[in-house]
Amino acid sequence: MSQRVSIAVIGKGRVGSSFAAKIAKMGSGYQLFAHLPVRAKSFASLENKGGPEVIIIASKDDSITKVAEKSLQAAGNNLKLILHCAGSRESIILPKR
């Protein structure tokens, strides 16, 4: 049995929903762990079963850092990669774990 990469998408807008739909349909090798709204009161579901291996943040550019910090606080031990989709912002806005 091959292992699947678990991916959480944070953002229910067009970009986040497109990512989530594509990941859900990919099947072999990838699993949609969660699809959460940016404004969720809690990202606690990211802790389930050790959490996702990848978190994709698809939020407005000015809220990326806040969403990343909130998701890192909730993410389980499986997390290997967190990324954002904003072309106007560098990767250095993401907090270090």
C-alpha atoms as a PDB file:
ATOM      1  CA  MET A   1       0.000   0.000   0.000  1.00  0.00           C
ATOM      2  CA  SER A   2       1.471   3.329  -1.042  1.00  0.00           C
ATOM      3  CA  GLN A   3       1.407   6.287   1.280  1.00  0.00           C
ATOM      4  CA  ARG A   4      -0.564   9.359   0.268  1.00  0.00           C
ATOM      5  CA  VAL A   5       0.554  12.939   0.884  1.00  0.00           C
ATOM      6  CA  SER A   6      -2.050  14.689   3.021  1.00  0.00           C
ATOM      7  CA  ILE A   7      -2.756  18.295   2.078  1.00  0.00           C
ATOM      8  CA  ALA A   8      -4.867  20.899   3.868  1.00  0.00           C
ATOM      9  CA  VAL A   9      -6.127  23.944   2.005  1.00  0.00           C
ATOM     10  CA  ILE A  10      -7.019  27.076   3.945  1.00  0.00           C
ATOM     11  CA  GLY A  11      -9.215  29.390   1.922  1.00  0.00           C
ATOM     12  CA  LYS A  12     -12.686  28.867   0.492  1.00  0.00           C
ATOM     13  CA  GLY A  13     -12.422  31.438  -2.290  1.00  0.00           C
ATOM     14  CA  ARG A  14     -11.853  30.564  -5.944  1.00  0.00           C
ATOM     15  CA  VAL A  15      -8.175  29.703  -5.587  1.00  0.00           C
ATOM     16  CA  GLY A  16      -8.539  27.632  -2.423  1.00  0.00           C
ATOM     17  CA  SER A  17     -11.619  25.845  -3.710  1.00  0.00           C
ATOM     18  CA  SER A  18      -9.865  25.064  -7.007  1.00  0.00           C
ATOM     19  CA  PHE A  19      -6.877  23.585  -5.173  1.00  0.00           C
ATOM     20  CA  ALA A  20      -9.105  21.537  -2.864  1.00  0.00           C
ATOM     21  CA  ALA A  21     -11.220  20.189  -5.728  1.00  0.00           C
ATOM     22  CA  LYS A  22      -8.173  19.190  -7.752  1.00  0.00           C
ATOM     23  CA  ILE A  23      -6.468  17.493  -4.793  1.00  0.00           C
ATOM     24  CA  ALA A  24      -9.670  15.603  -3.945  1.00  0.00           C
ATOM     25  CA  LYS A  25      -9.902  14.315  -7.530  1.00  0.00           C
ATOM     26  CA  MET A  26      -6.216  13.366  -7.869  1.00  0.00           C
ATOM     27  CA  GLY A  27      -6.665  10.230  -5.820  1.00  0.00           C
ATOM     28  CA  SER A  28      -3.508   8.143  -5.971  1.00  0.00           C
ATOM     29  CA  GLY A  29      -0.671   9.716  -4.033  1.00  0.00           C
ATOM     30  CA  TYR A  30      -2.598  12.681  -2.605  1.00  0.00           C
ATOM     31  CA  GLN A  31      -5.351  13.137  -0.033  1.00  0.00           C
ATOM     32  CA  LEU A  32      -7.317  16.265   0.836  1.00  0.00           C
ATOM     33  CA  PHE A  33      -6.877  16.367   4.616  1.00  0.00           C
ATOM     34  CA  ALA A  34      -9.065  19.430   5.179  1.00  0.00           C
ATOM     35  CA  HIS A  35     -10.504  22.443   3.387  1.00  0.00           C
ATOM     36  CA  LEU A  36     -10.998  25.237   5.901  1.00  0.00           C
ATOM     37  CA  PRO A  37     -12.229  28.814   5.622  1.00  0.00           C
ATOM     38  CA  VAL A  38      -9.680  31.524   6.384  1.00  0.00           C
ATOM     39  CA  ARG A  39     -12.058  33.015   8.933  1.00  0.00           C
ATOM     40  CA  ALA A  40     -12.572  29.788  10.864  1.00  0.00           C
ATOM     41  CA  LYS A  41     -12.537  30.434  14.605  1.00  0.00           C
ATOM     42  CA  SER A  42     -10.220  27.485  15.024  1.00  0.00           C
ATOM     43  CA  PHE A  43      -7.968  25.345  12.880  1.00  0.00           C
ATOM     44  CA  ALA A  44      -7.993  22.607  15.558  1.00  0.00           C
ATOM     45  CA  SER A  45      -8.974  19.981  12.971  1.00  0.00           C
ATOM     46  CA  LEU A  46      -5.411  20.278  11.632  1.00  0.00           C
ATOM     47  CA  GLU A  47      -4.291  18.267  14.677  1.00  0.00           C
ATOM     48  CA  ASN A  48      -6.323  15.172  13.755  1.00  0.00           C
ATOM     49  CA  LYS A  49      -4.204  12.074  13.150  1.00  0.00           C
ATOM     50  CA  GLY A  50      -0.983  14.078  13.419  1.00  0.00           C
ATOM     51  CA  GLY A  51      -2.109  16.695  10.915  1.00  0.00           C
ATOM     52  CA  PRO A  52      -1.439  17.205   7.220  1.00  0.00           C
ATOM     53  CA  GLU A  53       2.002  17.069   5.653  1.00  0.00           C
ATOM     54  CA  VAL A  54       1.327  20.155   3.532  1.00  0.00           C
ATOM     55  CA  ILE A  55      -0.714  23.290   4.191  1.00  0.00           C
ATOM     56  CA  ILE A  56      -1.641  25.565   1.298  1.00  0.00           C
ATOM     57  CA  ILE A  57      -2.800  29.047   2.273  1.00  0.00           C
ATOM     58  CA  ALA A  58      -5.062  30.705  -0.281  1.00  0.00           C
ATOM     59  CA  SER A  59      -6.063  33.893   1.510  1.00  0.00           C
ATOM     60  CA  LYS A  60      -5.892  37.588   0.780  1.00  0.00           C
ATOM     61  CA  ASP A  61      -2.297  38.765   0.639  1.00  0.00           C
ATOM     62  CA  ASP A  62      -2.513  40.911   3.780  1.00  0.00           C
ATOM     63  CA  SER A  63      -3.777  38.037   5.951  1.00  0.00           C
ATOM     64  CA  ILE A  64      -1.286  35.334   4.937  1.00  0.00           C
ATOM     65  CA  THR A  65       1.035  35.762   7.922  1.00  0.00           C
ATOM     66  CA  LYS A  66      -1.842  35.713  10.431  1.00  0.00           C
ATOM     67  CA  VAL A  67      -3.397  32.622   8.824  1.00  0.00           C
ATOM     68  CA  ALA A  68      -0.005  30.890   8.695  1.00  0.00           C
ATOM     69  CA  GLU A  69       0.664  31.559  12.379  1.00  0.00           C
ATOM     70  CA  LYS A  70      -2.781  30.285  13.340  1.00  0.00           C
ATOM     71  CA  SER A  71      -2.389  27.142  11.223  1.00  0.00           C
ATOM     72  CA  LEU A  72       1.092  26.392  12.584  1.00  0.00           C
ATOM     73  CA  GLN A  73      -0.232  26.584  16.147  1.00  0.00           C
ATOM     74  CA  ALA A  74      -2.855  23.971  15.301  1.00  0.00           C
ATOM     75  CA  ALA A  75      -0.870  21.764  12.907  1.00  0.00           C
ATOM     76  CA  GLY A  76       0.156  18.351  14.126  1.00  0.00           C
ATOM     77  CA  ASN A  77       3.584  16.750  13.940  1.00  0.00           C
ATOM     78  CA  ASN A  78       3.283  15.578  10.319  1.00  0.00           C
ATOM     79  CA  LEU A  79       3.691  19.053   8.810  1.00  0.00           C
ATOM     80  CA  LYS A  80       6.596  19.274   6.359  1.00  0.00           C
ATOM     81  CA  LEU A  81       5.636  22.220   4.158  1.00  0.00           C
ATOM     82  CA  ILE A  82       3.507  25.338   4.388  1.00  0.00           C
ATOM     83  CA  LEU A  83       3.068  27.609   1.401  1.00  0.00           C
ATOM     84  CA  HIS A  84       0.978  30.490   0.142  1.00  0.00           C
ATOM     85  CA  CYS A  85      -0.355  31.432  -3.271  1.00  0.00           C
ATOM     86  CA  ALA A  86       0.174  35.189  -3.293  1.00  0.00           C
ATOM     87  CA  GLY A  87       2.311  36.383  -6.159  1.00  0.00           C
ATOM     88  CA  SER A  88       2.811  39.753  -4.496  1.00  0.00           C
ATOM     89  CA  ARG A  89       4.347  38.390  -1.287  1.00  0.00           C
ATOM     90  CA  GLU A  90       7.611  36.558  -0.635  1.00  0.00           C
ATOM     91  CA  SER A  91       7.940  33.301   1.256  1.00  0.00           C
ATOM     92  CA  ILE A  92       9.718  35.077   4.121  1.00  0.00           C
ATOM     93  CA  ILE A  93       6.338  36.303   5.420  1.00  0.00           C
ATOM     94  CA  LEU A  94       5.628  32.760   6.612  1.00  0.00           C
ATOM     95  CA  PRO A  95       6.572  32.100  10.247  1.00  0.00           C
ATOM     96  CA  LYS A  96       9.285  29.583  11.017  1.00  0.00           C
ATOM     97  CA  ARG A  97       8.389  26.452  12.908  1.00  0.00           C
END
